[in-house]
Amino acid sequence: MTELIQVKLLPMEEADRNQFILDNQEAFRYGALEEFGVRDEHFEEGEEIISRRTIEECMDRKGAEIYRIILREEKVGGVVLQINAETKHNELALFFILPAAHSKGIGQAAWKAIERQHPETKVWETCTPYFEKRNIHFYVNRCGFHIVEFFHSKHPDPNAPDECSKEDAGGGGMFRFEKVMKV
């Protein structure tokens, strides 16, 4: 891509909280429907891939930073970061680009902006469902993460052991990624 995409990360305003959650659900739903079609059984609640409860838990955790991804004054996505100032091991808890803005370099531009915003980070960590091939490609091939673990029923995530049993009901699991930064 020859055009340099410029995005802004703006702190989410409280009045935008509900729309942020709905936009996040739309982006996750799109990925699942693209992979599985309408017959999908991977939904958490109320036919959502990611529940409102899960999103709110990420948003409400201590150390969470919540941003809207802005392109030309338009909201095109969002991110929830979990920042640990002591260990400098930070988490990309939620990251989404609205489906209408996919494949335009926005995600990569947003990731670069996140890295610039947190140059103190030693290690970034994130997870994505096994079926999200676009995410896996994005994290590994575009952002420089490495797959370091695969959670499933026989190897559950120690921080959320019940999630893997739910995922495996549909044949799934979660990949965990890390990116070790050059400090």
Protein backbone atom coordinates (compact mmCIF):
# COMPACT_ATOMS: atom_id res chain seq x y z
CA MET A 1 0.00 0.00 0.00
CA THR A 2 1.62 3.28 -1.05
CA GLU A 3 -0.73 5.64 0.77
CA LEU A 4 0.26 6.32 4.37
CA ILE A 5 -2.81 5.93 6.59
CA GLN A 6 -2.99 8.35 9.51
CA VAL A 7 -5.29 7.45 12.38
CA LYS A 8 -5.83 9.01 15.77
CA LEU A 9 -6.43 7.27 19.05
CA LEU A 10 -8.88 9.34 21.08
CA PRO A 11 -9.97 8.38 24.58
CA MET A 12 -13.48 6.97 24.48
CA GLU A 13 -16.03 9.40 25.88
CA GLU A 14 -18.42 7.91 28.42
CA ALA A 15 -21.39 8.96 26.25
CA ASP A 16 -19.96 6.70 23.50
CA ARG A 17 -19.68 3.60 25.74
CA ASN A 18 -22.80 1.82 24.48
CA GLN A 19 -21.98 2.46 20.81
CA PHE A 20 -18.39 1.30 21.40
CA ILE A 21 -19.75 -2.01 22.75
CA LEU A 22 -22.21 -2.38 19.84
CA ASP A 23 -19.48 -1.60 17.29
CA ASN A 24 -17.18 -4.15 18.93
CA GLN A 25 -19.90 -6.79 18.76
CA GLU A 26 -20.58 -5.95 15.10
CA ALA A 27 -16.92 -6.42 14.20
CA PHE A 28 -16.65 -9.75 16.04
CA ARG A 29 -19.96 -10.96 14.60
CA TYR A 30 -18.78 -10.11 11.09
CA GLY A 31 -15.67 -12.28 11.52
CA ALA A 32 -17.67 -15.26 12.74
CA LEU A 33 -20.35 -14.95 10.06
CA GLU A 34 -17.65 -14.61 7.40
CA GLU A 35 -16.05 -17.84 8.61
CA PHE A 36 -19.08 -19.95 9.58
CA GLY A 37 -22.09 -18.37 7.94
CA VAL A 38 -25.47 -18.08 9.61
CA ARG A 39 -25.29 -21.55 11.20
CA ASP A 40 -22.65 -20.46 13.71
CA GLU A 41 -22.79 -21.82 17.27
CA HIS A 42 -19.94 -19.76 18.73
CA PHE A 43 -22.08 -16.99 20.18
CA GLU A 44 -21.70 -16.10 23.88
CA GLU A 45 -25.12 -14.62 24.58
CA GLY A 46 -28.00 -13.18 22.63
CA GLU A 47 -26.39 -14.23 19.34
CA GLU A 48 -23.21 -12.26 19.95
CA ILE A 49 -19.71 -13.65 19.47
CA ILE A 50 -18.53 -11.48 22.34
CA SER A 51 -20.95 -10.61 25.11
CA ARG A 52 -21.61 -7.17 26.50
CA ARG A 53 -20.46 -8.57 29.86
CA THR A 54 -17.09 -9.65 28.44
CA ILE A 55 -16.53 -6.26 26.79
CA GLU A 56 -17.53 -4.37 29.92
CA GLU A 57 -15.24 -6.50 32.08
CA CYS A 58 -12.33 -5.55 29.82
CA MET A 59 -13.30 -1.90 29.83
CA ASP A 60 -13.77 -1.74 33.61
CA ARG A 61 -10.54 -3.47 34.68
CA LYS A 62 -7.96 -1.46 36.62
CA GLY A 63 -5.37 -0.02 34.22
CA ALA A 64 -7.68 -0.15 31.19
CA GLU A 65 -7.23 2.50 28.53
CA ILE A 66 -10.08 2.75 26.03
CA TYR A 67 -9.68 4.49 22.69
CA ARG A 68 -11.67 5.11 19.56
CA ILE A 69 -9.74 4.70 16.34
CA ILE A 70 -10.44 7.76 14.21
CA LEU A 71 -9.80 8.15 10.48
CA ARG A 72 -10.64 11.52 8.95
CA GLU A 73 -12.85 12.43 11.95
CA GLU A 74 -14.84 9.18 11.59
CA LYS A 75 -14.95 6.39 14.21
CA VAL A 76 -13.66 3.29 12.43
CA GLY A 77 -12.80 1.07 15.38
CA GLY A 78 -11.74 0.84 18.96
CA VAL A 79 -9.21 -0.62 21.33
CA VAL A 80 -9.02 -1.53 25.00
CA LEU A 81 -5.51 -1.74 26.39
CA GLN A 82 -4.56 -3.17 29.76
CA ILE A 83 -1.50 -1.26 30.92
CA ASN A 84 0.73 -2.48 33.75
CA ALA A 85 3.10 0.40 34.59
CA GLU A 86 5.14 -1.79 36.95
CA THR A 87 5.92 -4.81 34.77
CA LYS A 88 5.51 -3.06 31.42
CA HIS A 89 3.85 -6.26 30.17
CA ASN A 90 0.75 -4.85 28.52
CA GLU A 91 -2.29 -6.44 26.95
CA LEU A 92 -4.25 -5.68 23.84
CA ALA A 93 -7.53 -6.74 25.46
CA LEU A 94 -9.89 -5.76 22.64
CA PHE A 95 -9.13 -4.43 19.18
CA PHE A 96 -11.60 -3.98 16.38
CA ILE A 97 -12.02 -2.25 13.06
CA LEU A 98 -15.55 -1.85 11.73
CA PRO A 99 -16.18 -4.19 8.76
CA ALA A 100 -16.71 -1.29 6.30
CA ALA A 101 -13.14 -0.15 7.04
CA HIS A 102 -11.41 -3.55 6.68
CA SER A 103 -8.46 -4.11 4.34
CA LYS A 104 -7.48 -0.44 4.13
CA GLY A 105 -4.42 -0.45 6.40
CA ILE A 106 -6.33 1.12 9.29
CA GLY A 107 -5.63 -1.70 11.75
CA GLN A 108 -1.91 -1.63 11.10
CA ALA A 109 -1.82 2.18 11.37
CA ALA A 110 -3.75 1.94 14.66
CA TRP A 111 -1.34 -0.69 16.00
CA LYS A 112 1.65 1.52 15.15
CA ALA A 113 -0.05 4.42 16.96
CA ILE A 114 -0.56 2.18 20.03
CA GLU A 115 3.12 1.23 20.03
CA ARG A 116 4.14 4.90 19.73
CA GLN A 117 1.81 5.78 22.61
CA HIS A 118 3.40 3.14 24.86
CA PRO A 119 7.13 3.02 24.03
CA GLU A 120 7.85 1.76 27.56
CA THR A 121 6.18 -1.58 26.82
CA LYS A 122 8.44 -4.61 27.09
CA VAL A 123 5.88 -7.20 25.98
CA TRP A 124 2.46 -6.93 24.35
CA GLU A 125 0.03 -9.83 24.69
CA THR A 126 -3.30 -10.60 23.05
CA CYS A 127 -5.60 -13.52 22.22
CA THR A 128 -7.90 -14.31 19.34
CA PRO A 129 -10.29 -17.18 18.55
CA TYR A 130 -8.86 -20.00 16.45
CA PHE A 131 -11.23 -19.25 13.55
CA GLU A 132 -10.24 -15.59 13.10
CA LYS A 133 -7.80 -16.14 10.24
CA ARG A 134 -7.79 -12.42 9.43
CA ASN A 135 -6.74 -11.63 13.00
CA ILE A 136 -4.05 -14.32 13.04
CA HIS A 137 -2.64 -12.98 9.76
CA PHE A 138 -2.83 -9.43 11.08
CA TYR A 139 -1.10 -10.09 14.40
CA VAL A 140 1.64 -12.36 13.02
CA ASN A 141 2.33 -11.00 9.54
CA ARG A 142 1.49 -7.31 9.94
CA CYS A 143 2.25 -6.49 13.58
CA GLY A 144 5.09 -8.87 14.47
CA PHE A 145 3.42 -10.95 17.17
CA HIS A 146 4.25 -14.61 17.69
CA ILE A 147 1.81 -17.37 18.63
CA VAL A 148 2.97 -18.65 22.00
CA GLU A 149 0.08 -20.77 23.23
CA PHE A 150 -3.15 -22.43 22.15
CA PHE A 151 -5.92 -22.68 24.75
CA HIS A 152 -8.53 -25.43 24.45
CA SER A 153 -10.32 -27.89 26.76
CA LYS A 154 -7.17 -29.93 27.44
CA HIS A 155 -5.06 -26.78 27.95
CA PRO A 156 -7.39 -24.08 29.33
CA ASP A 157 -6.47 -20.46 29.85
CA PRO A 158 -5.59 -20.26 33.56
CA ASN A 159 -7.23 -16.81 33.72
CA ALA A 160 -10.50 -18.01 32.14
CA PRO A 161 -10.71 -21.84 32.28
CA ASP A 162 -14.45 -21.96 31.55
CA GLU A 163 -14.02 -20.12 28.25
CA CYS A 164 -12.21 -23.06 26.65
CA SER A 165 -14.92 -25.57 27.47
CA LYS A 166 -17.46 -23.24 25.82
CA GLU A 167 -15.20 -22.76 22.82
CA ASP A 168 -14.61 -26.48 22.43
CA ALA A 169 -18.34 -27.11 22.24
CA GLY A 170 -18.05 -25.54 18.80
CA GLY A 171 -14.67 -27.10 18.03
CA GLY A 172 -12.62 -24.06 18.91
CA GLY A 173 -10.04 -22.54 21.15
CA MET A 174 -7.96 -19.41 21.48
CA PHE A 175 -4.48 -18.48 20.30
CA ARG A 176 -2.34 -16.37 22.64
CA PHE A 177 0.17 -14.02 21.02
CA GLU A 178 3.12 -12.06 22.35
CA LYS A 179 5.25 -9.33 20.87
CA VAL A 180 8.53 -8.68 22.65
CA MET A 181 9.52 -5.07 22.05
CA LYS A 182 13.00 -3.78 21.44
CA VAL A 183 13.60 -1.38 24.29
